[in-house]
Amino acid sequence: MRLTRPPPPSRLRLALCCLLLAGGLAAHAGSETEPVSENAVKAVLFYKLPPFVYLADNNRGRSHYLCGLGDTPVVDSLEKLSVSSPSGSSYQTLDGVSSGMRCDFLFIARDQADNLDAILRRLRDSRMVTVSDIPGFARAGGMVELVPNPDKSGVQILINRKAALRLGIEFNAQLLRLARIVEP
């Protein structure tokens, strides 16, 4: 019998495993450290998303401009992460949608749920990846929705491929295998 080595883990799987391991270690470390929050996991997933997304041809191969819209714990975590992460990407919290037209990736916070339809209409022809944790975001026309797993074991990625493909944006096959595809 011939033994073969398993393939090396993908960067996304490795990042997700590190997050789960960090969360598990923090949870068991006692009172000295706090467990990794769901909001922090969502912020890290947003920050790690660019290498697994193929933007329009004119945006490939350069550092990405990440933005957050709204005021929630996820956006707070993004701000903290942008200070401590040497990812090569720039991050900015926006005051409104109009100031975000140069963003490559936009996280739309939950406090924007009442304005979601207007925001997505405004961004309809903008070649940026829209990401949110607003329930039903992907079905409403957003591209990537981050939701709690049904078994409360982490965060699940939902992807609306049709919304992305319409703008020439595609997702890495490894990401698509980990995510659940949503049809609007």
N, C-alpha and C. Protein backbone atom coordinates (compact mmCIF):
# COMPACT_ATOMS: atom_id res chain seq x y z
N MET A 1 0.84 -1.17 0.00
CA MET A 1 0.00 0.00 0.00
C MET A 1 0.90 1.25 0.00
N ARG A 2 0.57 2.19 -0.86
CA ARG A 2 1.37 3.40 -0.99
C ARG A 2 0.68 4.55 -0.25
N LEU A 3 1.42 5.21 0.62
CA LEU A 3 0.88 6.34 1.36
C LEU A 3 1.19 7.63 0.62
N THR A 4 0.22 8.50 0.57
CA THR A 4 0.44 9.80 -0.06
C THR A 4 0.20 10.89 0.96
N ARG A 5 0.89 11.99 0.76
CA ARG A 5 0.72 13.14 1.65
C ARG A 5 -0.53 13.91 1.29
N PRO A 6 -1.23 14.41 2.29
CA PRO A 6 -2.37 15.26 1.97
C PRO A 6 -1.86 16.57 1.39
N PRO A 7 -2.69 17.23 0.56
CA PRO A 7 -2.25 18.51 0.00
C PRO A 7 -2.06 19.55 1.10
N PRO A 8 -1.18 20.52 0.86
CA PRO A 8 -0.98 21.56 1.89
C PRO A 8 -2.26 22.36 2.07
N PRO A 9 -2.50 22.85 3.27
CA PRO A 9 -3.72 23.61 3.51
C PRO A 9 -3.72 24.92 2.74
N SER A 10 -4.89 25.33 2.31
CA SER A 10 -5.01 26.60 1.61
C SER A 10 -4.79 27.74 2.59
N ARG A 11 -4.50 28.93 2.07
CA ARG A 11 -4.29 30.08 2.94
C ARG A 11 -5.55 30.40 3.73
N LEU A 12 -6.72 30.29 3.10
CA LEU A 12 -7.95 30.59 3.81
C LEU A 12 -8.21 29.57 4.91
N ARG A 13 -8.04 28.30 4.58
CA ARG A 13 -8.24 27.27 5.60
C ARG A 13 -7.28 27.47 6.75
N LEU A 14 -6.03 27.80 6.41
CA LEU A 14 -5.03 28.03 7.44
C LEU A 14 -5.43 29.22 8.32
N ALA A 15 -5.91 30.30 7.69
CA ALA A 15 -6.35 31.47 8.46
C ALA A 15 -7.53 31.11 9.35
N LEU A 16 -8.49 30.36 8.80
CA LEU A 16 -9.66 29.96 9.59
C LEU A 16 -9.26 29.04 10.74
N CYS A 17 -8.34 28.11 10.47
CA CYS A 17 -7.88 27.21 11.53
C CYS A 17 -7.18 28.00 12.63
N CYS A 18 -6.37 28.99 12.23
CA CYS A 18 -5.69 29.82 13.23
C CYS A 18 -6.69 30.58 14.08
N LEU A 19 -7.74 31.10 13.44
CA LEU A 19 -8.77 31.82 14.19
C LEU A 19 -9.47 30.89 15.18
N LEU A 20 -9.84 29.70 14.71
CA LEU A 20 -10.51 28.76 15.60
C LEU A 20 -9.60 28.34 16.74
N LEU A 21 -8.33 28.10 16.42
CA LEU A 21 -7.37 27.72 17.45
C LEU A 21 -7.19 28.86 18.45
N ALA A 22 -7.06 30.08 17.96
CA ALA A 22 -6.89 31.23 18.85
C ALA A 22 -8.12 31.39 19.74
N GLY A 23 -9.30 31.21 19.17
CA GLY A 23 -10.52 31.31 19.95
C GLY A 23 -10.61 30.23 21.00
N GLY A 24 -10.23 29.01 20.62
CA GLY A 24 -10.26 27.91 21.57
C GLY A 24 -9.25 28.08 22.68
N LEU A 25 -8.05 28.54 22.32
CA LEU A 25 -7.02 28.76 23.33
C LEU A 25 -7.42 29.87 24.28
N ALA A 26 -7.97 30.95 23.74
CA ALA A 26 -8.38 32.07 24.59
C ALA A 26 -9.51 31.66 25.52
N ALA A 27 -10.41 30.84 25.03
CA ALA A 27 -11.54 30.43 25.86
C ALA A 27 -11.10 29.55 27.03
N HIS A 28 -10.02 28.79 26.82
CA HIS A 28 -9.55 27.88 27.86
C HIS A 28 -8.43 28.46 28.72
N ALA A 29 -8.01 29.67 28.43
CA ALA A 29 -6.87 30.24 29.13
C ALA A 29 -7.23 30.81 30.49
N GLY A 30 -8.49 30.89 30.81
CA GLY A 30 -8.88 31.41 32.11
C GLY A 30 -9.17 32.89 32.05
N SER A 31 -9.06 33.55 33.18
CA SER A 31 -9.46 34.95 33.27
C SER A 31 -8.41 35.91 32.72
N GLU A 32 -7.22 35.42 32.38
CA GLU A 32 -6.18 36.31 31.89
C GLU A 32 -6.49 36.87 30.51
N THR A 33 -7.18 36.12 29.66
CA THR A 33 -7.52 36.58 28.32
C THR A 33 -9.00 36.36 28.05
N GLU A 34 -9.52 37.14 27.13
CA GLU A 34 -10.91 36.98 26.76
C GLU A 34 -11.00 36.12 25.51
N PRO A 35 -12.11 35.40 25.33
CA PRO A 35 -12.26 34.62 24.10
C PRO A 35 -12.41 35.56 22.91
N VAL A 36 -12.06 35.06 21.74
CA VAL A 36 -12.19 35.84 20.52
C VAL A 36 -13.68 36.01 20.24
N SER A 37 -14.11 37.25 20.07
CA SER A 37 -15.53 37.52 19.84
C SER A 37 -15.91 37.21 18.39
N GLU A 38 -17.20 36.99 18.18
CA GLU A 38 -17.72 36.77 16.84
C GLU A 38 -17.42 37.99 15.96
N ASN A 39 -17.52 39.18 16.52
CA ASN A 39 -17.24 40.40 15.76
C ASN A 39 -15.78 40.46 15.32
N ALA A 40 -14.87 40.03 16.18
CA ALA A 40 -13.46 40.01 15.81
C ALA A 40 -13.20 39.00 14.70
N VAL A 41 -13.87 37.86 14.76
CA VAL A 41 -13.73 36.85 13.71
C VAL A 41 -14.23 37.41 12.38
N LYS A 42 -15.37 38.10 12.41
CA LYS A 42 -15.89 38.71 11.18
C LYS A 42 -14.93 39.75 10.62
N ALA A 43 -14.32 40.54 11.50
CA ALA A 43 -13.36 41.56 11.05
C ALA A 43 -12.14 40.90 10.41
N VAL A 44 -11.63 39.83 11.01
CA VAL A 44 -10.48 39.14 10.44
C VAL A 44 -10.84 38.51 9.10
N LEU A 45 -12.01 37.89 9.00
CA LEU A 45 -12.43 37.31 7.73
C LEU A 45 -12.52 38.38 6.65
N PHE A 46 -13.06 39.55 6.99
CA PHE A 46 -13.14 40.65 6.03
C PHE A 46 -11.74 41.08 5.61
N TYR A 47 -10.85 41.21 6.56
CA TYR A 47 -9.48 41.64 6.27
C TYR A 47 -8.73 40.62 5.43
N LYS A 48 -9.02 39.34 5.61
CA LYS A 48 -8.33 38.27 4.89
C LYS A 48 -9.00 37.92 3.56
N LEU A 49 -10.11 38.54 3.23
CA LEU A 49 -10.88 38.22 2.03
C LEU A 49 -10.19 38.60 0.71
N PRO A 50 -9.51 39.74 0.59
CA PRO A 50 -9.00 40.17 -0.71
C PRO A 50 -8.19 39.15 -1.52
N PRO A 51 -7.30 38.38 -0.93
CA PRO A 51 -6.55 37.42 -1.77
C PRO A 51 -7.43 36.33 -2.39
N PHE A 52 -8.65 36.17 -1.92
CA PHE A 52 -9.53 35.11 -2.41
C PHE A 52 -10.63 35.65 -3.32
N VAL A 53 -10.47 36.91 -3.74
CA VAL A 53 -11.43 37.55 -4.62
C VAL A 53 -10.68 38.11 -5.82
N TYR A 54 -11.20 37.84 -7.01
CA TYR A 54 -10.60 38.35 -8.24
C TYR A 54 -11.44 39.54 -8.69
N LEU A 55 -10.87 40.72 -8.54
CA LEU A 55 -11.55 41.94 -8.94
C LEU A 55 -11.43 42.14 -10.44
N ALA A 56 -12.06 43.19 -10.95
CA ALA A 56 -11.96 43.52 -12.36
C ALA A 56 -10.49 43.66 -12.74
N ASP A 57 -10.16 43.42 -13.98
CA ASP A 57 -8.77 43.41 -14.46
C ASP A 57 -7.96 44.63 -14.04
N ASN A 58 -8.57 45.79 -14.05
CA ASN A 58 -7.81 47.00 -13.73
C ASN A 58 -7.45 47.10 -12.25
N ASN A 59 -7.97 46.22 -11.39
CA ASN A 59 -7.69 46.28 -9.96
C ASN A 59 -6.80 45.15 -9.47
N ARG A 60 -6.42 44.23 -10.35
CA ARG A 60 -5.62 43.08 -9.91
C ARG A 60 -4.17 43.47 -9.68
N GLY A 61 -3.57 42.82 -8.72
CA GLY A 61 -2.15 42.97 -8.48
C GLY A 61 -1.74 44.22 -7.71
N ARG A 62 -2.63 44.88 -7.07
CA ARG A 62 -2.26 46.05 -6.27
C ARG A 62 -2.83 45.89 -4.87
N SER A 63 -2.38 46.73 -3.94
CA SER A 63 -2.95 46.66 -2.60
C SER A 63 -4.40 47.13 -2.66
N HIS A 64 -5.18 46.68 -1.72
CA HIS A 64 -6.62 46.94 -1.74
C HIS A 64 -6.99 48.02 -0.74
N TYR A 65 -8.09 48.68 -1.05
CA TYR A 65 -8.61 49.73 -0.20
C TYR A 65 -9.87 49.18 0.48
N LEU A 66 -9.78 48.93 1.78
CA LEU A 66 -10.88 48.36 2.55
C LEU A 66 -11.60 49.47 3.30
N CYS A 67 -12.92 49.39 3.36
CA CYS A 67 -13.71 50.42 4.02
C CYS A 67 -14.78 49.78 4.90
N GLY A 68 -15.20 50.53 5.89
CA GLY A 68 -16.32 50.14 6.75
C GLY A 68 -17.32 51.27 6.77
N LEU A 69 -18.60 50.92 6.73
CA LEU A 69 -19.67 51.91 6.76
C LEU A 69 -20.58 51.58 7.93
N GLY A 70 -20.73 52.51 8.85
CA GLY A 70 -21.60 52.30 9.99
C GLY A 70 -20.82 52.27 11.29
N ASP A 71 -21.56 52.00 12.35
CA ASP A 71 -20.96 52.02 13.69
C ASP A 71 -21.45 50.81 14.47
N THR A 72 -20.69 49.73 14.42
CA THR A 72 -21.01 48.51 15.16
C THR A 72 -19.70 47.92 15.68
N PRO A 73 -19.78 46.91 16.53
CA PRO A 73 -18.56 46.27 17.04
C PRO A 73 -17.67 45.69 15.94
N VAL A 74 -18.25 45.26 14.81
CA VAL A 74 -17.40 44.72 13.74
C VAL A 74 -16.56 45.85 13.16
N VAL A 75 -17.16 47.01 12.91
CA VAL A 75 -16.40 48.14 12.37
C VAL A 75 -15.35 48.59 13.38
N ASP A 76 -15.69 48.58 14.66
CA ASP A 76 -14.70 48.89 15.70
C ASP A 76 -13.53 47.91 15.63
N SER A 77 -13.83 46.63 15.45
CA SER A 77 -12.78 45.62 15.34
C SER A 77 -11.93 45.84 14.09
N LEU A 78 -12.57 46.27 12.99
CA LEU A 78 -11.83 46.55 11.76
C LEU A 78 -10.84 47.69 11.98
N GLU A 79 -11.29 48.72 12.70
CA GLU A 79 -10.40 49.85 12.98
C GLU A 79 -9.19 49.41 13.80
N LYS A 80 -9.44 48.59 14.82
CA LYS A 80 -8.34 48.09 15.66
C LYS A 80 -7.40 47.20 14.84
N LEU A 81 -7.98 46.37 14.01
CA LEU A 81 -7.19 45.45 13.19
C LEU A 81 -6.35 46.21 12.17
N SER A 82 -6.88 47.28 11.62
CA SER A 82 -6.13 48.04 10.61
C SER A 82 -4.89 48.68 11.20
N VAL A 83 -4.93 49.02 12.48
CA VAL A 83 -3.77 49.63 13.15
C VAL A 83 -2.69 48.59 13.38
N SER A 84 -3.09 47.35 13.72
CA SER A 84 -2.12 46.34 14.11
C SER A 84 -1.73 45.38 12.99
N SER A 85 -2.35 45.47 11.82
CA SER A 85 -2.10 44.51 10.76
C SER A 85 -1.28 45.11 9.62
N PRO A 86 -0.14 44.51 9.32
CA PRO A 86 0.67 45.00 8.20
C PRO A 86 0.27 44.29 6.90
N SER A 87 -1.00 44.33 6.53
CA SER A 87 -1.49 43.56 5.39
C SER A 87 -1.18 44.19 4.04
N GLY A 88 -0.77 45.44 4.01
CA GLY A 88 -0.55 46.12 2.74
C GLY A 88 -1.81 46.79 2.22
N SER A 89 -2.94 46.51 2.84
CA SER A 89 -4.20 47.13 2.45
C SER A 89 -4.46 48.34 3.33
N SER A 90 -5.11 49.33 2.75
CA SER A 90 -5.50 50.52 3.51
C SER A 90 -6.91 50.31 4.03
N TYR A 91 -7.22 50.90 5.18
CA TYR A 91 -8.57 50.81 5.75
C TYR A 91 -9.05 52.19 6.16
N GLN A 92 -10.35 52.43 5.94
CA GLN A 92 -10.96 53.69 6.35
C GLN A 92 -12.41 53.43 6.74
N THR A 93 -12.85 54.04 7.85
CA THR A 93 -14.26 54.03 8.21
C THR A 93 -14.90 55.24 7.54
N LEU A 94 -15.99 54.99 6.83
CA LEU A 94 -16.63 56.03 6.03
C LEU A 94 -17.74 56.73 6.79
N ASP A 95 -17.99 57.99 6.41
CA ASP A 95 -19.12 58.74 6.96
C ASP A 95 -20.39 58.47 6.16
N GLY A 96 -20.26 58.12 4.90
CA GLY A 96 -21.41 57.85 4.04
C GLY A 96 -20.98 57.08 2.81
N VAL A 97 -21.95 56.59 2.06
CA VAL A 97 -21.67 55.78 0.88
C VAL A 97 -20.90 56.58 -0.17
N SER A 98 -21.23 57.85 -0.35
CA SER A 98 -20.58 58.64 -1.39
C SER A 98 -19.08 58.78 -1.17
N SER A 99 -18.62 58.72 0.06
CA SER A 99 -17.18 58.82 0.32
C SER A 99 -16.47 57.49 0.10
N GLY A 100 -17.20 56.44 -0.22
CA GLY A 100 -16.60 55.12 -0.39
C GLY A 100 -16.46 54.64 -1.81
N MET A 101 -16.63 55.51 -2.77
CA MET A 101 -16.61 55.07 -4.15
C MET A 101 -15.24 54.56 -4.62
N ARG A 102 -14.19 54.82 -3.89
CA ARG A 102 -12.89 54.28 -4.30
C ARG A 102 -12.52 53.02 -3.53
N CYS A 103 -13.41 52.51 -2.72
CA CYS A 103 -13.16 51.28 -1.96
C CYS A 103 -13.18 50.06 -2.88
N ASP A 104 -12.35 49.09 -2.57
CA ASP A 104 -12.39 47.80 -3.27
C ASP A 104 -13.30 46.83 -2.51
N PHE A 105 -13.28 46.92 -1.18
CA PHE A 105 -14.07 46.06 -0.31
C PHE A 105 -14.77 46.96 0.70
N LEU A 106 -16.07 46.79 0.84
CA LEU A 106 -16.85 47.63 1.75
C LEU A 106 -17.62 46.75 2.72
N PHE A 107 -17.37 46.92 4.01
CA PHE A 107 -18.15 46.24 5.04
C PHE A 107 -19.27 47.18 5.46
N ILE A 108 -20.51 46.72 5.29
CA ILE A 108 -21.69 47.52 5.65
C ILE A 108 -22.19 46.99 6.99
N ALA A 109 -22.13 47.84 8.01
CA ALA A 109 -22.47 47.44 9.38
C ALA A 109 -23.98 47.27 9.57
N ARG A 110 -24.32 46.52 10.59
CA ARG A 110 -25.73 46.24 10.90
C ARG A 110 -26.58 47.48 11.15
N ASP A 111 -25.97 48.54 11.65
CA ASP A 111 -26.78 49.74 11.92
C ASP A 111 -27.23 50.42 10.62
N GLN A 112 -26.79 49.91 9.48
CA GLN A 112 -27.20 50.44 8.18
C GLN A 112 -28.34 49.62 7.56
N ALA A 113 -28.89 48.67 8.31
CA ALA A 113 -29.92 47.76 7.77
C ALA A 113 -31.13 48.51 7.22
N ASP A 114 -31.56 49.58 7.88
CA ASP A 114 -32.72 50.33 7.40
C ASP A 114 -32.46 51.01 6.06
N ASN A 115 -31.21 51.29 5.75
CA ASN A 115 -30.83 51.96 4.51
C ASN A 115 -30.24 51.00 3.48
N LEU A 116 -30.30 49.69 3.74
CA LEU A 116 -29.58 48.73 2.91
C LEU A 116 -29.99 48.79 1.45
N ASP A 117 -31.29 48.84 1.15
CA ASP A 117 -31.72 48.87 -0.25
C ASP A 117 -31.15 50.09 -0.97
N ALA A 118 -31.19 51.24 -0.34
CA ALA A 118 -30.66 52.47 -0.95
C ALA A 118 -29.14 52.37 -1.14
N ILE A 119 -28.44 51.80 -0.17
CA ILE A 119 -26.99 51.65 -0.27
C ILE A 119 -26.64 50.72 -1.43
N LEU A 120 -27.30 49.57 -1.51
CA LEU A 120 -27.00 48.62 -2.59
C LEU A 120 -27.37 49.20 -3.95
N ARG A 121 -28.45 49.98 -4.05
CA ARG A 121 -28.79 50.65 -5.32
C ARG A 121 -27.68 51.63 -5.71
N ARG A 122 -27.20 52.37 -4.75
CA ARG A 122 -26.14 53.36 -5.01
C ARG A 122 -24.84 52.69 -5.46
N LEU A 123 -24.58 51.51 -4.93
CA LEU A 123 -23.34 50.79 -5.25
C LEU A 123 -23.49 49.81 -6.41
N ARG A 124 -24.66 49.75 -6.99
CA ARG A 124 -24.99 48.74 -8.01
C ARG A 124 -23.94 48.63 -9.12
N ASP A 125 -23.42 49.74 -9.60
CA ASP A 125 -22.45 49.71 -10.69
C ASP A 125 -21.02 49.96 -10.23
N SER A 126 -20.81 50.02 -8.93
CA SER A 126 -19.46 50.20 -8.39
C SER A 126 -18.77 48.86 -8.31
N ARG A 127 -17.57 48.80 -8.79
CA ARG A 127 -16.83 47.54 -8.80
C ARG A 127 -16.13 47.32 -7.46
N MET A 128 -16.95 47.14 -6.43
CA MET A 128 -16.40 46.84 -5.11
C MET A 128 -17.14 45.64 -4.54
N VAL A 129 -16.44 44.91 -3.71
CA VAL A 129 -17.02 43.74 -3.05
C VAL A 129 -17.74 44.23 -1.81
N THR A 130 -19.04 43.95 -1.75
CA THR A 130 -19.83 44.35 -0.59
C THR A 130 -19.95 43.18 0.38
N VAL A 131 -19.71 43.48 1.66
CA VAL A 131 -19.69 42.46 2.72
C VAL A 131 -20.50 43.01 3.89
N SER A 132 -21.25 42.13 4.57
CA SER A 132 -22.01 42.58 5.74
C SER A 132 -22.39 41.39 6.61
N ASP A 133 -22.82 41.73 7.83
CA ASP A 133 -23.40 40.72 8.72
C ASP A 133 -24.89 41.01 8.93
N ILE A 134 -25.47 41.85 8.08
CA ILE A 134 -26.91 42.11 8.14
C ILE A 134 -27.64 40.85 7.68
N PRO A 135 -28.59 40.34 8.48
CA PRO A 135 -29.32 39.14 8.05
C PRO A 135 -30.03 39.36 6.71
N GLY A 136 -29.84 38.43 5.78
CA GLY A 136 -30.46 38.52 4.46
C GLY A 136 -29.69 39.37 3.46
N PHE A 137 -28.49 39.81 3.83
CA PHE A 137 -27.69 40.70 2.97
C PHE A 137 -27.43 40.11 1.59
N ALA A 138 -26.99 38.86 1.53
CA ALA A 138 -26.67 38.24 0.24
C ALA A 138 -27.92 38.10 -0.63
N ARG A 139 -29.03 37.74 -0.04
CA ARG A 139 -30.28 37.63 -0.82
C ARG A 139 -30.77 38.99 -1.30
N ALA A 140 -30.43 40.05 -0.57
CA ALA A 140 -30.84 41.40 -0.95
C ALA A 140 -29.98 41.99 -2.06
N GLY A 141 -28.89 41.32 -2.42
CA GLY A 141 -28.04 41.81 -3.50
C GLY A 141 -26.61 42.09 -3.10
N GLY A 142 -26.28 41.92 -1.82
CA GLY A 142 -24.89 42.04 -1.38
C GLY A 142 -24.11 40.81 -1.82
N MET A 143 -22.80 40.90 -1.80
CA MET A 143 -21.98 39.79 -2.32
C MET A 143 -21.58 38.77 -1.27
N VAL A 144 -21.14 39.23 -0.09
CA VAL A 144 -20.65 38.31 0.94
C VAL A 144 -21.34 38.64 2.26
N GLU A 145 -21.98 37.63 2.84
CA GLU A 145 -22.65 37.80 4.14
C GLU A 145 -21.95 36.91 5.15
N LEU A 146 -21.66 37.46 6.30
CA LEU A 146 -21.02 36.72 7.39
C LEU A 146 -22.07 36.49 8.47
N VAL A 147 -22.39 35.23 8.71
CA VAL A 147 -23.45 34.88 9.67
C VAL A 147 -22.93 33.85 10.66
N PRO A 148 -23.52 33.82 11.85
CA PRO A 148 -23.14 32.76 12.80
C PRO A 148 -23.54 31.39 12.24
N ASN A 149 -22.69 30.40 12.48
CA ASN A 149 -23.05 29.03 12.12
C ASN A 149 -24.28 28.62 12.92
N PRO A 150 -25.15 27.81 12.34
CA PRO A 150 -26.33 27.36 13.08
C PRO A 150 -25.99 26.65 14.39
N ASP A 151 -24.85 25.96 14.43
CA ASP A 151 -24.47 25.25 15.65
C ASP A 151 -23.65 26.13 16.60
N LYS A 152 -23.57 27.44 16.32
CA LYS A 152 -22.88 28.42 17.17
C LYS A 152 -21.37 28.16 17.26
N SER A 153 -20.80 27.50 16.24
CA SER A 153 -19.38 27.15 16.30
C SER A 153 -18.48 28.10 15.53
N GLY A 154 -18.97 29.21 15.12
CA GLY A 154 -18.13 30.14 14.37
C GLY A 154 -18.96 30.95 13.41
N VAL A 155 -18.33 31.36 12.31
CA VAL A 155 -18.98 32.22 11.33
C VAL A 155 -19.03 31.51 9.99
N GLN A 156 -20.17 31.58 9.35
CA GLN A 156 -20.37 30.99 8.04
C GLN A 156 -20.34 32.10 6.99
N ILE A 157 -19.80 31.79 5.82
CA ILE A 157 -19.71 32.75 4.72
C ILE A 157 -20.78 32.39 3.69
N LEU A 158 -21.64 33.36 3.38
CA LEU A 158 -22.65 33.20 2.32
C LEU A 158 -22.22 34.09 1.17
N ILE A 159 -22.29 33.57 -0.05
CA ILE A 159 -21.85 34.33 -1.23
C ILE A 159 -22.95 34.39 -2.27
N ASN A 160 -23.20 35.59 -2.77
CA ASN A 160 -24.11 35.83 -3.88
C ASN A 160 -23.23 36.01 -5.12
N ARG A 161 -22.99 34.92 -5.85
CA ARG A 161 -22.10 34.96 -7.02
C ARG A 161 -22.68 35.80 -8.14
N LYS A 162 -23.99 35.78 -8.31
CA LYS A 162 -24.60 36.54 -9.41
C LYS A 162 -24.33 38.03 -9.27
N ALA A 163 -24.44 38.55 -8.05
CA ALA A 163 -24.19 39.98 -7.83
C ALA A 163 -22.74 40.31 -8.15
N ALA A 164 -21.81 39.42 -7.82
CA ALA A 164 -20.40 39.66 -8.09
C ALA A 164 -20.07 39.51 -9.57
N LEU A 165 -20.56 38.45 -10.19
CA LEU A 165 -20.25 38.20 -11.60
C LEU A 165 -20.77 39.32 -12.50
N ARG A 166 -21.86 39.93 -12.13
CA ARG A 166 -22.43 41.03 -12.91
C ARG A 166 -21.43 42.18 -13.04
N LEU A 167 -20.54 42.32 -12.05
CA LEU A 167 -19.52 43.37 -12.06
C LEU A 167 -18.13 42.86 -12.41
N GLY A 168 -18.04 41.61 -12.87
CA GLY A 168 -16.75 41.05 -13.23
C GLY A 168 -15.91 40.61 -12.05
N ILE A 169 -16.54 40.40 -10.91
CA ILE A 169 -15.84 39.97 -9.70
C ILE A 169 -16.07 38.47 -9.51
N GLU A 170 -14.98 37.74 -9.27
CA GLU A 170 -15.09 36.30 -9.07
C GLU A 170 -14.41 35.91 -7.76
N PHE A 171 -14.77 34.73 -7.26
CA PHE A 171 -14.23 34.23 -5.99
C PHE A 171 -13.36 33.01 -6.25
N ASN A 172 -12.31 32.88 -5.46
CA ASN A 172 -11.41 31.75 -5.51
C ASN A 172 -12.19 30.46 -5.22
N ALA A 173 -11.84 29.40 -5.92
CA ALA A 173 -12.53 28.11 -5.75
C ALA A 173 -12.45 27.60 -4.31
N GLN A 174 -11.34 27.84 -3.63
CA GLN A 174 -11.21 27.39 -2.24
C GLN A 174 -12.22 28.11 -1.35
N LEU A 175 -12.40 29.39 -1.57
CA LEU A 175 -13.40 30.15 -0.81
C LEU A 175 -14.80 29.64 -1.11
N LEU A 176 -15.08 29.36 -2.37
CA LEU A 176 -16.41 28.87 -2.76
C LEU A 176 -16.72 27.51 -2.12
N ARG A 177 -15.70 26.68 -1.94
CA ARG A 177 -15.92 25.38 -1.29
C ARG A 177 -16.26 25.56 0.19
N LEU A 178 -15.70 26.57 0.84
CA LEU A 178 -15.97 26.82 2.25
C LEU A 178 -17.29 27.56 2.48
N ALA A 179 -17.72 28.30 1.47
CA ALA A 179 -18.90 29.15 1.62
C ALA A 179 -20.16 28.40 1.18
N ARG A 180 -21.29 29.04 1.47
CA ARG A 180 -22.57 28.56 0.96
C ARG A 180 -23.03 29.58 -0.07
N ILE A 181 -23.37 29.10 -1.25
CA ILE A 181 -23.81 29.98 -2.34
C ILE A 181 -25.29 30.30 -2.13
N VAL A 182 -25.61 31.60 -2.25
CA VAL A 182 -26.97 32.07 -2.04
C VAL A 182 -27.51 32.58 -3.38
N GLU A 183 -28.68 32.14 -3.73
CA GLU A 183 -29.37 32.63 -4.93
C GLU A 183 -30.44 33.63 -4.50
N PRO A 184 -30.36 34.86 -5.05
CA PRO A 184 -31.37 35.87 -4.67
C PRO A 184 -32.75 35.53 -5.20
